[in-house]
């Protein structure tokens, strides 16, 4: 099993947003899926990539 979990700081860098934005998205139940393991917030890289892909807007 190749499960790549990353910290919010790394996710913020990938998405070019702040960690506070990620925190707000979690409160508002928006943004990418995440895991809460023993109080730590972690994201699966595949979920981040899916979130990016689902945010794509195509030009008409």
N, C-alpha and C. Protein backbone atom coordinates (compact mmCIF):
# COMPACT_ATOMS: atom_id res chain seq x y z
N UNK A 1 0.85 -1.19 0.00
CA UNK A 1 0.00 0.00 0.00
C UNK A 1 0.89 1.24 0.00
N UNK A 2 0.69 2.08 -1.00
CA UNK A 2 1.50 3.28 -1.13
C UNK A 2 0.66 4.51 -0.81
N UNK A 3 0.50 4.78 0.48
CA UNK A 3 -0.33 5.88 0.95
C UNK A 3 0.56 7.05 1.32
N UNK A 4 0.45 8.14 0.58
CA UNK A 4 1.28 9.32 0.82
C UNK A 4 0.43 10.37 1.52
N UNK A 5 0.67 10.56 2.83
CA UNK A 5 -0.02 11.57 3.60
C UNK A 5 0.89 12.77 3.79
N UNK A 6 0.32 13.96 3.64
CA UNK A 6 1.13 15.18 3.76
C UNK A 6 0.48 16.15 4.73
N UNK A 7 1.30 17.01 5.29
CA UNK A 7 0.87 17.98 6.29
C UNK A 7 0.24 19.20 5.63
N UNK A 8 -0.58 19.93 6.40
CA UNK A 8 -1.24 21.13 5.85
C UNK A 8 -0.27 22.14 5.23
N UNK A 9 0.90 22.29 5.79
CA UNK A 9 1.86 23.25 5.24
C UNK A 9 2.23 22.89 3.80
N UNK A 10 2.45 21.61 3.55
CA UNK A 10 2.78 21.15 2.21
C UNK A 10 1.59 21.32 1.26
N UNK A 11 0.40 21.04 1.77
CA UNK A 11 -0.81 21.20 0.96
C UNK A 11 -1.01 22.67 0.59
N UNK A 12 -0.80 23.56 1.55
CA UNK A 12 -0.93 24.99 1.29
C UNK A 12 0.04 25.42 0.19
N UNK A 13 1.24 24.88 0.21
CA UNK A 13 2.20 25.20 -0.85
C UNK A 13 1.72 24.70 -2.21
N UNK A 14 1.20 23.49 -2.24
CA UNK A 14 0.71 22.91 -3.50
C UNK A 14 -0.45 23.73 -4.05
N UNK A 15 -1.39 24.10 -3.18
CA UNK A 15 -2.59 24.82 -3.61
C UNK A 15 -2.39 26.33 -3.68
N UNK A 16 -1.22 26.79 -3.29
CA UNK A 16 -0.90 28.23 -3.29
C UNK A 16 -1.92 29.02 -2.47
N UNK A 17 -2.15 28.53 -1.26
CA UNK A 17 -3.03 29.22 -0.32
C UNK A 17 -2.36 29.15 1.06
N UNK A 18 -2.99 29.76 2.04
CA UNK A 18 -2.41 29.72 3.38
C UNK A 18 -2.96 28.52 4.17
N UNK A 19 -2.26 28.19 5.23
CA UNK A 19 -2.75 27.13 6.12
C UNK A 19 -4.06 27.55 6.77
N UNK A 20 -4.23 28.84 6.99
CA UNK A 20 -5.48 29.35 7.58
C UNK A 20 -6.65 29.15 6.62
N UNK A 21 -6.39 29.27 5.32
CA UNK A 21 -7.43 29.00 4.33
C UNK A 21 -7.86 27.54 4.41
N UNK A 22 -6.89 26.64 4.51
CA UNK A 22 -7.21 25.22 4.66
C UNK A 22 -8.04 24.98 5.92
N UNK A 23 -7.67 25.65 6.99
CA UNK A 23 -8.40 25.53 8.26
C UNK A 23 -9.85 26.01 8.09
N UNK A 24 -10.02 27.13 7.40
CA UNK A 24 -11.37 27.66 7.16
C UNK A 24 -12.17 26.69 6.30
N UNK A 25 -11.54 26.13 5.28
CA UNK A 25 -12.23 25.16 4.43
C UNK A 25 -12.69 23.95 5.24
N UNK A 26 -11.86 23.49 6.17
CA UNK A 26 -12.26 22.34 7.01
C UNK A 26 -13.48 22.70 7.84
N UNK A 27 -13.49 23.90 8.43
CA UNK A 27 -14.64 24.34 9.23
C UNK A 27 -15.90 24.44 8.38
N UNK A 28 -15.74 24.93 7.15
CA UNK A 28 -16.88 25.14 6.25
C UNK A 28 -17.21 23.88 5.44
N UNK A 29 -16.47 22.81 5.69
CA UNK A 29 -16.65 21.54 4.97
C UNK A 29 -16.51 21.73 3.46
N UNK A 30 -15.51 22.52 3.07
CA UNK A 30 -15.15 22.74 1.68
C UNK A 30 -13.71 22.24 1.50
N UNK A 31 -13.22 22.35 0.30
CA UNK A 31 -11.82 22.01 0.07
C UNK A 31 -11.59 20.51 -0.02
N UNK A 32 -10.32 20.11 -0.03
CA UNK A 32 -9.99 18.69 -0.18
C UNK A 32 -10.31 17.88 1.06
N UNK A 33 -10.54 16.59 0.86
CA UNK A 33 -10.76 15.67 1.98
C UNK A 33 -9.50 15.61 2.83
N UNK A 34 -9.67 15.30 4.10
CA UNK A 34 -8.53 15.20 5.01
C UNK A 34 -8.77 14.12 6.04
N UNK A 35 -7.71 13.79 6.75
CA UNK A 35 -7.77 12.81 7.84
C UNK A 35 -7.38 13.51 9.13
N UNK A 36 -7.99 13.10 10.22
CA UNK A 36 -7.60 13.58 11.54
C UNK A 36 -7.17 12.36 12.34
N UNK A 37 -5.86 12.23 12.50
CA UNK A 37 -5.29 11.06 13.16
C UNK A 37 -4.59 11.52 14.43
N UNK A 38 -5.13 11.10 15.57
CA UNK A 38 -4.59 11.48 16.87
C UNK A 38 -4.38 12.99 16.98
N UNK A 39 -5.37 13.74 16.49
CA UNK A 39 -5.32 15.20 16.60
C UNK A 39 -4.54 15.89 15.50
N UNK A 40 -3.88 15.13 14.64
CA UNK A 40 -3.11 15.72 13.54
C UNK A 40 -3.94 15.70 12.27
N UNK A 41 -3.89 16.80 11.55
CA UNK A 41 -4.57 16.91 10.26
C UNK A 41 -3.59 16.48 9.17
N UNK A 42 -4.02 15.54 8.35
CA UNK A 42 -3.20 15.05 7.24
C UNK A 42 -4.06 14.92 5.99
N UNK A 43 -3.42 15.10 4.87
CA UNK A 43 -4.11 15.00 3.58
C UNK A 43 -3.44 13.92 2.75
N UNK A 44 -4.25 13.23 1.96
CA UNK A 44 -3.72 12.23 1.03
C UNK A 44 -3.41 12.95 -0.28
N UNK A 45 -2.22 12.75 -0.81
CA UNK A 45 -1.80 13.43 -2.02
C UNK A 45 -2.78 13.20 -3.16
N UNK A 46 -3.29 11.99 -3.31
CA UNK A 46 -4.26 11.70 -4.37
C UNK A 46 -5.52 12.55 -4.21
N UNK A 47 -5.95 12.81 -2.97
CA UNK A 47 -7.13 13.65 -2.74
C UNK A 47 -6.86 15.10 -3.15
N UNK A 48 -5.65 15.57 -2.92
CA UNK A 48 -5.28 16.93 -3.31
C UNK A 48 -5.31 17.05 -4.83
N UNK A 49 -4.74 16.06 -5.51
CA UNK A 49 -4.74 16.08 -6.97
C UNK A 49 -6.16 16.00 -7.52
N UNK A 50 -7.02 15.21 -6.90
CA UNK A 50 -8.42 15.12 -7.32
C UNK A 50 -9.14 16.44 -7.10
N UNK A 51 -8.85 17.09 -5.98
CA UNK A 51 -9.46 18.39 -5.69
C UNK A 51 -9.05 19.41 -6.75
N UNK A 52 -7.79 19.41 -7.11
CA UNK A 52 -7.32 20.33 -8.16
C UNK A 52 -8.04 20.05 -9.47
N UNK A 53 -8.11 18.79 -9.83
CA UNK A 53 -8.75 18.40 -11.10
C UNK A 53 -10.24 18.78 -11.09
N UNK A 54 -10.91 18.60 -9.97
CA UNK A 54 -12.34 18.91 -9.89
C UNK A 54 -12.61 20.41 -9.92
N UNK A 55 -11.58 21.21 -9.70
CA UNK A 55 -11.72 22.66 -9.70
C UNK A 55 -11.47 23.26 -11.08
N UNK A 56 -11.17 22.40 -12.05
CA UNK A 56 -10.83 22.89 -13.38
C UNK A 56 -12.04 23.53 -14.05
N UNK A 57 -11.80 24.68 -14.67
CA UNK A 57 -12.82 25.38 -15.43
C UNK A 57 -12.34 25.40 -16.88
N UNK A 58 -13.17 24.86 -17.79
CA UNK A 58 -12.73 24.84 -19.18
C UNK A 58 -13.23 26.07 -19.92
N UNK A 59 -12.38 26.55 -20.80
CA UNK A 59 -12.73 27.71 -21.61
C UNK A 59 -13.77 27.31 -22.64
N UNK A 60 -14.69 28.17 -22.90
CA UNK A 60 -15.77 27.86 -23.85
C UNK A 60 -15.37 28.24 -25.23
